[in-house]
Amino acid sequence: MRRSAVSIPSNIAEGEESGSNPQAIRFFNIAKGSVAELKIQIIISHEIGYVQESMFKELYGEVCQISTMLHKIIEHRKSHISKLIPKPIYP
């Protein structure tokens, strides 16, 4: 769980410093994958009794918010890429 949790902000930081939207999107998607890993680890921890219900709800809710934020960042960056690609001119 620690590895997944540390991987999320690490990949976001790396994406921000990458210098290009396509590269940033790649790292944000990796971070989103780490969020998915952390989600399932939280679920498993709850199911086997390591995490109580109240803590599970709090952790799972926060991780879902992070996933939503990453999705929005990715979509925003993608929309900027599509604006930069010239549209073909047909006669």
Protein backbone atom coordinates (compact mmCIF):
# COMPACT_ATOMS: atom_id res chain seq x y z
CA MET A 1 0.00 0.00 0.00
CA ARG A 2 2.86 2.36 0.78
CA ARG A 3 4.46 1.78 -2.61
CA SER A 4 1.22 2.51 -4.44
CA ALA A 5 0.56 5.57 -2.29
CA VAL A 6 4.06 6.97 -2.89
CA SER A 7 3.91 6.17 -6.60
CA ILE A 8 0.87 8.40 -7.17
CA PRO A 9 2.38 11.81 -6.30
CA SER A 10 5.77 10.73 -7.64
CA ASN A 11 4.33 10.10 -11.11
CA ILE A 12 2.27 13.28 -10.98
CA ALA A 13 5.43 15.26 -10.18
CA GLU A 14 7.37 13.53 -12.93
CA GLY A 15 4.58 14.25 -15.40
CA GLU A 16 4.47 17.92 -14.46
CA GLU A 17 8.21 18.24 -14.94
CA SER A 18 8.30 16.29 -18.21
CA GLY A 19 7.90 19.39 -20.36
CA SER A 20 5.30 18.06 -22.78
CA ASN A 21 1.63 17.22 -22.60
CA PRO A 22 1.96 13.75 -24.18
CA GLN A 23 4.69 12.79 -21.70
CA ALA A 24 2.74 14.31 -18.79
CA ILE A 25 -0.37 12.36 -19.78
CA ARG A 26 1.67 9.17 -19.83
CA PHE A 27 2.84 9.76 -16.25
CA PHE A 28 -0.65 10.79 -15.10
CA ASN A 29 -1.99 7.51 -16.49
CA ILE A 30 0.70 5.62 -14.58
CA ALA A 31 -0.38 7.50 -11.45
CA LYS A 32 -3.99 6.52 -12.19
CA GLY A 33 -2.87 2.89 -12.38
CA SER A 34 -1.27 3.26 -8.96
CA VAL A 35 -4.57 4.67 -7.68
CA ALA A 36 -6.33 1.55 -8.97
CA GLU A 37 -3.76 -0.62 -7.17
CA LEU A 38 -4.27 1.30 -3.96
CA LYS A 39 -8.06 1.03 -4.26
CA ILE A 40 -7.95 -2.74 -4.49
CA GLN A 41 -5.40 -2.96 -1.67
CA ILE A 42 -7.71 -0.89 0.55
CA ILE A 43 -10.63 -3.16 -0.34
CA ILE A 44 -8.65 -6.31 0.41
CA SER A 45 -7.34 -4.85 3.67
CA HIS A 46 -10.91 -4.14 4.74
CA GLU A 47 -12.18 -7.56 3.70
CA ILE A 48 -9.50 -9.40 5.69
CA GLY A 49 -10.02 -7.23 8.74
CA TYR A 50 -6.92 -5.01 8.70
CA VAL A 51 -8.92 -1.84 8.11
CA GLN A 52 -12.09 -0.98 10.04
CA GLU A 53 -15.24 0.23 8.27
CA SER A 54 -14.87 3.92 9.16
CA MET A 55 -11.23 4.04 8.02
CA PHE A 56 -12.11 2.07 4.88
CA LYS A 57 -14.79 4.59 3.91
CA GLU A 58 -12.45 7.52 4.50
CA LEU A 59 -9.50 6.01 2.61
CA TYR A 60 -11.59 4.71 -0.26
CA GLY A 61 -13.37 8.05 -0.63
CA GLU A 62 -10.07 9.94 -0.76
CA VAL A 63 -8.59 7.57 -3.32
CA CYS A 64 -11.71 7.90 -5.49
CA GLN A 65 -11.37 11.69 -5.34
CA ILE A 66 -7.73 11.43 -6.44
CA SER A 67 -8.76 9.18 -9.31
CA THR A 68 -11.39 11.70 -10.42
CA MET A 69 -8.89 14.57 -10.23
CA LEU A 70 -6.36 12.64 -12.31
CA HIS A 71 -9.02 11.83 -14.88
CA LYS A 72 -9.88 15.53 -15.18
CA ILE A 73 -6.20 16.52 -15.50
CA ILE A 74 -5.67 13.91 -18.22
CA GLU A 75 -8.74 15.07 -20.15
CA HIS A 76 -7.67 18.70 -19.82
CA ARG A 77 -4.18 17.93 -21.12
CA LYS A 78 -5.61 15.86 -23.98
CA SER A 79 -7.85 18.74 -25.03
CA HIS A 80 -4.80 21.00 -25.24
CA ILE A 81 -3.01 18.49 -27.46
CA SER A 82 -5.93 18.29 -29.88
CA LYS A 83 -5.95 22.11 -30.17
CA LEU A 84 -2.29 22.05 -31.19
CA ILE A 85 -2.72 19.50 -33.97
CA PRO A 86 -3.47 21.31 -37.24
CA LYS A 87 -6.65 20.27 -38.98
CA PRO A 88 -6.17 19.05 -42.55
CA ILE A 89 -7.19 21.47 -45.26
CA TYR A 90 -9.22 19.89 -48.04
CA PRO A 91 -9.72 21.62 -51.39
